[in-house]
């Protein structure tokens, strides 16, 4: 199996954390021909990463790739020990994909000079407070998002939180987690996991 992604991709990063944590036999490669290339489009018409290449098929979308890898390699599961715990993991991953990913856009647009209205940034900060509240409500772990072990929720969340911190610092916006103690504790302690730390260092090296 081959995973095509870049070190800077937060979506590839969530899969890489899983691969490193479970020590999976997956070769990690740069996109053939680079982003947007004909070679990448020949693998996946979306031309987006990550792409998991199997012997005779292709799997796209990071969440689907992760679910496949969990099905294929159930040892050291990053799902829950019960159906209810797995549902919580999927809820937090869903909050990340449905709410947090779009919430980063005002910061990205401002940094790119596409929208220099700081009022939009303030709107974005207020939206993030709402999202942080959802995380705080549904998180059930201490050092991890759910339970007391690394899960697919952690894999999904931490690369986006890394970029959120980078963006907020670049635009001089304070994103305090004082009102969200569970989330704040998680953000501090999740980085102690070796697989998480390895991937965050790889992202940092691209900046």
Protein backbone atom coordinates (compact mmCIF):
# COMPACT_ATOMS: atom_id res chain seq x y z
CA UNK A 1 0.00 0.00 0.00
CA UNK A 2 1.09 3.54 -0.78
CA UNK A 3 -0.19 6.76 0.72
CA UNK A 4 0.28 9.81 -1.45
CA UNK A 5 0.31 13.03 0.52
CA UNK A 6 2.51 15.95 1.59
CA UNK A 7 4.01 16.68 4.99
CA UNK A 8 2.05 19.92 5.13
CA UNK A 9 -1.39 18.44 4.50
CA UNK A 10 -3.54 18.30 7.66
CA UNK A 11 -5.71 15.66 6.01
CA UNK A 12 -2.73 13.50 5.14
CA UNK A 13 -1.41 14.12 8.65
CA UNK A 14 -4.40 12.47 10.30
CA UNK A 15 -3.75 9.30 8.29
CA UNK A 16 -0.03 9.42 9.01
CA UNK A 17 -0.62 9.58 12.76
CA UNK A 18 -2.67 6.40 12.42
CA UNK A 19 0.00 4.72 10.29
CA UNK A 20 2.80 5.61 12.72
CA UNK A 21 0.80 4.65 15.81
CA UNK A 22 -0.16 1.24 14.43
CA UNK A 23 3.17 0.73 12.61
CA UNK A 24 1.34 -0.12 9.40
CA UNK A 25 3.05 -1.42 6.23
CA UNK A 26 2.16 1.68 4.21
CA UNK A 27 4.73 3.53 2.10
CA UNK A 28 4.28 7.30 2.32
CA UNK A 29 5.11 9.16 -0.89
CA UNK A 30 4.77 12.64 -2.35
CA UNK A 31 2.00 13.06 -4.95
CA UNK A 32 3.31 11.84 -8.32
CA UNK A 33 4.10 14.85 -10.48
CA UNK A 34 3.11 17.25 -7.69
CA UNK A 35 -0.22 18.76 -6.73
CA UNK A 36 -2.64 19.21 -9.62
CA UNK A 37 -0.51 17.13 -11.96
CA UNK A 38 -1.80 14.81 -14.64
CA UNK A 39 -0.12 11.94 -12.83
CA UNK A 40 -2.08 12.66 -9.65
CA UNK A 41 -5.31 13.03 -11.63
CA UNK A 42 -4.66 9.64 -13.18
CA UNK A 43 -4.74 8.19 -9.66
CA UNK A 44 -7.77 10.20 -8.53
CA UNK A 45 -9.93 12.51 -10.68
CA UNK A 46 -10.31 14.87 -7.70
CA UNK A 47 -6.52 15.46 -7.76
CA UNK A 48 -6.69 15.90 -3.98
CA UNK A 49 -4.62 14.27 -1.26
CA UNK A 50 -4.35 11.97 0.54
CA UNK A 51 -4.74 9.03 -1.83
CA UNK A 52 -4.28 5.44 -0.70
CA UNK A 53 -3.18 3.17 -3.54
CA UNK A 54 -3.89 -0.52 -3.10
CA UNK A 55 -2.78 -3.29 -5.43
CA UNK A 56 -5.84 -2.97 -7.66
CA UNK A 57 -7.85 0.00 -6.39
CA UNK A 58 -7.67 3.54 -5.04
CA UNK A 59 -9.22 4.99 -1.89
CA UNK A 60 -9.62 8.75 -1.39
CA UNK A 61 -10.82 11.05 1.42
CA UNK A 62 -8.88 10.90 4.68
CA UNK A 63 -11.74 9.69 6.87
CA UNK A 64 -12.58 6.83 4.49
CA UNK A 65 -8.92 5.89 4.23
CA UNK A 66 -8.69 5.74 8.02
CA UNK A 67 -11.81 3.63 8.36
CA UNK A 68 -10.42 1.23 5.73
CA UNK A 69 -7.10 0.96 7.58
CA UNK A 70 -8.94 0.23 10.85
CA UNK A 71 -10.94 -2.51 9.13
CA UNK A 72 -7.85 -3.92 7.46
CA UNK A 73 -5.60 -3.73 10.53
CA UNK A 74 -7.81 -3.97 13.64
CA UNK A 75 -4.88 -4.55 16.02
CA UNK A 76 -4.24 -1.55 18.29
CA UNK A 77 -7.63 -0.15 17.35
CA UNK A 78 -8.09 3.61 17.17
CA UNK A 79 -11.83 3.12 17.49
CA UNK A 80 -13.66 2.73 20.80
CA UNK A 81 -14.00 -0.36 22.94
CA UNK A 82 -17.79 -0.02 22.76
CA UNK A 83 -20.24 1.14 20.10
CA UNK A 84 -21.01 4.22 22.21
CA UNK A 85 -17.34 5.19 22.51
CA UNK A 86 -16.82 4.73 18.77
CA UNK A 87 -19.85 6.96 18.18
CA UNK A 88 -18.23 9.69 20.30
CA UNK A 89 -15.02 9.34 18.31
CA UNK A 90 -16.94 9.74 15.06
CA UNK A 91 -18.86 12.73 16.44
CA UNK A 92 -15.63 14.56 17.25
CA UNK A 93 -14.18 13.70 13.85
CA UNK A 94 -17.41 14.98 12.30
CA UNK A 95 -17.25 18.24 14.27
CA UNK A 96 -13.71 18.67 12.94
CA UNK A 97 -14.64 18.08 9.31
CA UNK A 98 -18.02 19.82 9.25
CA UNK A 99 -17.37 22.78 11.54
CA UNK A 100 -13.65 23.34 12.24
CA UNK A 101 -12.29 23.00 8.70
CA UNK A 102 -14.59 25.75 7.28
CA UNK A 103 -13.92 27.92 10.36
CA UNK A 104 -10.26 28.22 9.34
CA UNK A 105 -11.18 29.87 6.04
CA UNK A 106 -11.50 33.49 7.32
CA UNK A 107 -7.98 33.26 8.72
CA UNK A 108 -6.58 31.78 5.51
CA UNK A 109 -8.33 34.43 3.39
CA UNK A 110 -6.96 37.23 5.55
CA UNK A 111 -3.41 35.88 5.37
CA UNK A 112 -3.67 35.54 1.59
CA UNK A 113 -4.87 39.14 1.31
CA UNK A 114 -8.19 38.02 -0.13
CA UNK A 115 -10.17 39.71 2.64
CA UNK A 116 -8.47 42.26 4.87
CA UNK A 117 -11.55 43.12 6.95
CA UNK A 118 -10.69 42.28 10.56
CA UNK A 119 -14.39 42.23 11.37
CA UNK A 120 -14.51 38.94 9.49
CA UNK A 121 -11.73 37.65 11.72
CA UNK A 122 -13.71 38.58 14.81
CA UNK A 123 -16.69 36.74 13.38
CA UNK A 124 -14.41 33.79 12.86
CA UNK A 125 -13.20 33.93 16.46
CA UNK A 126 -16.78 33.97 17.73
CA UNK A 127 -17.60 30.99 15.53
CA UNK A 128 -14.63 29.12 16.94
CA UNK A 129 -15.89 29.70 20.48
CA UNK A 130 -19.08 27.91 19.47
CA UNK A 131 -17.07 25.04 17.97
CA UNK A 132 -14.82 24.79 21.03
CA UNK A 133 -17.97 24.49 23.12
CA UNK A 134 -19.07 21.48 21.07
CA UNK A 135 -15.70 19.82 21.59
CA UNK A 136 -15.83 20.54 25.32
CA UNK A 137 -19.30 19.01 25.60
CA UNK A 138 -18.55 15.80 23.73
CA UNK A 139 -14.95 15.08 24.80
CA UNK A 140 -14.81 12.35 27.44
CA UNK A 141 -11.06 11.79 27.82
CA UNK A 142 -8.36 13.62 29.74
CA UNK A 143 -5.15 13.44 27.75
CA UNK A 144 -7.03 12.13 24.71
CA UNK A 145 -10.24 13.25 23.06
CA UNK A 146 -12.22 10.15 23.99
CA UNK A 147 -11.45 7.60 26.68
CA UNK A 148 -7.78 7.18 27.64
CA UNK A 149 -6.12 6.20 24.39
CA UNK A 150 -5.34 7.74 21.01
CA UNK A 151 -8.30 7.53 18.65
CA UNK A 152 -9.30 8.60 15.16
CA UNK A 153 -10.78 11.72 16.75
CA UNK A 154 -7.34 12.81 17.98
CA UNK A 155 -5.87 12.08 14.55
CA UNK A 156 -8.45 14.33 12.91
CA UNK A 157 -8.31 17.16 15.43
CA UNK A 158 -4.66 17.85 16.20
CA UNK A 159 -3.38 18.78 12.71
CA UNK A 160 -6.20 21.33 12.36
CA UNK A 161 -5.55 22.73 15.83
CA UNK A 162 -1.88 23.08 14.90
CA UNK A 163 -2.77 25.17 11.86
CA UNK A 164 -5.37 27.11 13.83
CA UNK A 165 -2.65 28.17 16.27
CA UNK A 166 -0.34 29.15 13.41
CA UNK A 167 -3.05 31.21 11.71
CA UNK A 168 -4.21 32.95 14.89
CA UNK A 169 -0.63 33.91 15.75
CA UNK A 170 -0.01 35.22 12.24
CA UNK A 171 -3.09 37.49 12.36
CA UNK A 172 -2.50 38.46 16.02
CA UNK A 173 -5.73 36.98 17.36
CA UNK A 174 -5.91 35.43 20.83
CA UNK A 175 -7.70 32.10 20.94
CA UNK A 176 -7.78 31.34 24.63
CA UNK A 177 -9.16 28.03 25.83
CA UNK A 178 -9.67 29.26 29.40
CA UNK A 179 -13.39 28.57 29.18
CA UNK A 180 -12.76 25.09 27.77
CA UNK A 181 -10.54 23.28 30.31
CA UNK A 182 -11.03 19.80 28.89
CA UNK A 183 -10.08 20.97 25.41
CA UNK A 184 -7.12 22.97 26.73
CA UNK A 185 -5.80 19.97 28.64
CA UNK A 186 -6.18 17.82 25.55
CA UNK A 187 -4.31 20.29 23.32
CA UNK A 188 -1.37 20.29 25.73
CA UNK A 189 -1.16 16.58 26.42
CA UNK A 190 -1.98 15.07 23.02
CA UNK A 191 1.38 16.30 21.75
CA UNK A 192 3.13 13.93 24.15
CA UNK A 193 2.02 10.97 22.04
CA UNK A 194 5.00 9.90 19.92
CA UNK A 195 3.04 9.42 16.70
CA UNK A 196 1.38 12.82 17.09
CA UNK A 197 4.67 14.54 17.90
CA UNK A 198 6.35 12.94 14.89
CA UNK A 199 3.69 14.20 12.48
CA UNK A 200 3.62 17.69 14.01
CA UNK A 201 7.39 17.90 13.58
CA UNK A 202 7.00 16.90 9.93
CA UNK A 203 4.41 19.67 9.45
CA UNK A 204 6.65 22.16 11.24
CA UNK A 205 9.54 21.32 8.92
CA UNK A 206 7.46 22.51 5.93
CA UNK A 207 6.86 25.98 7.38
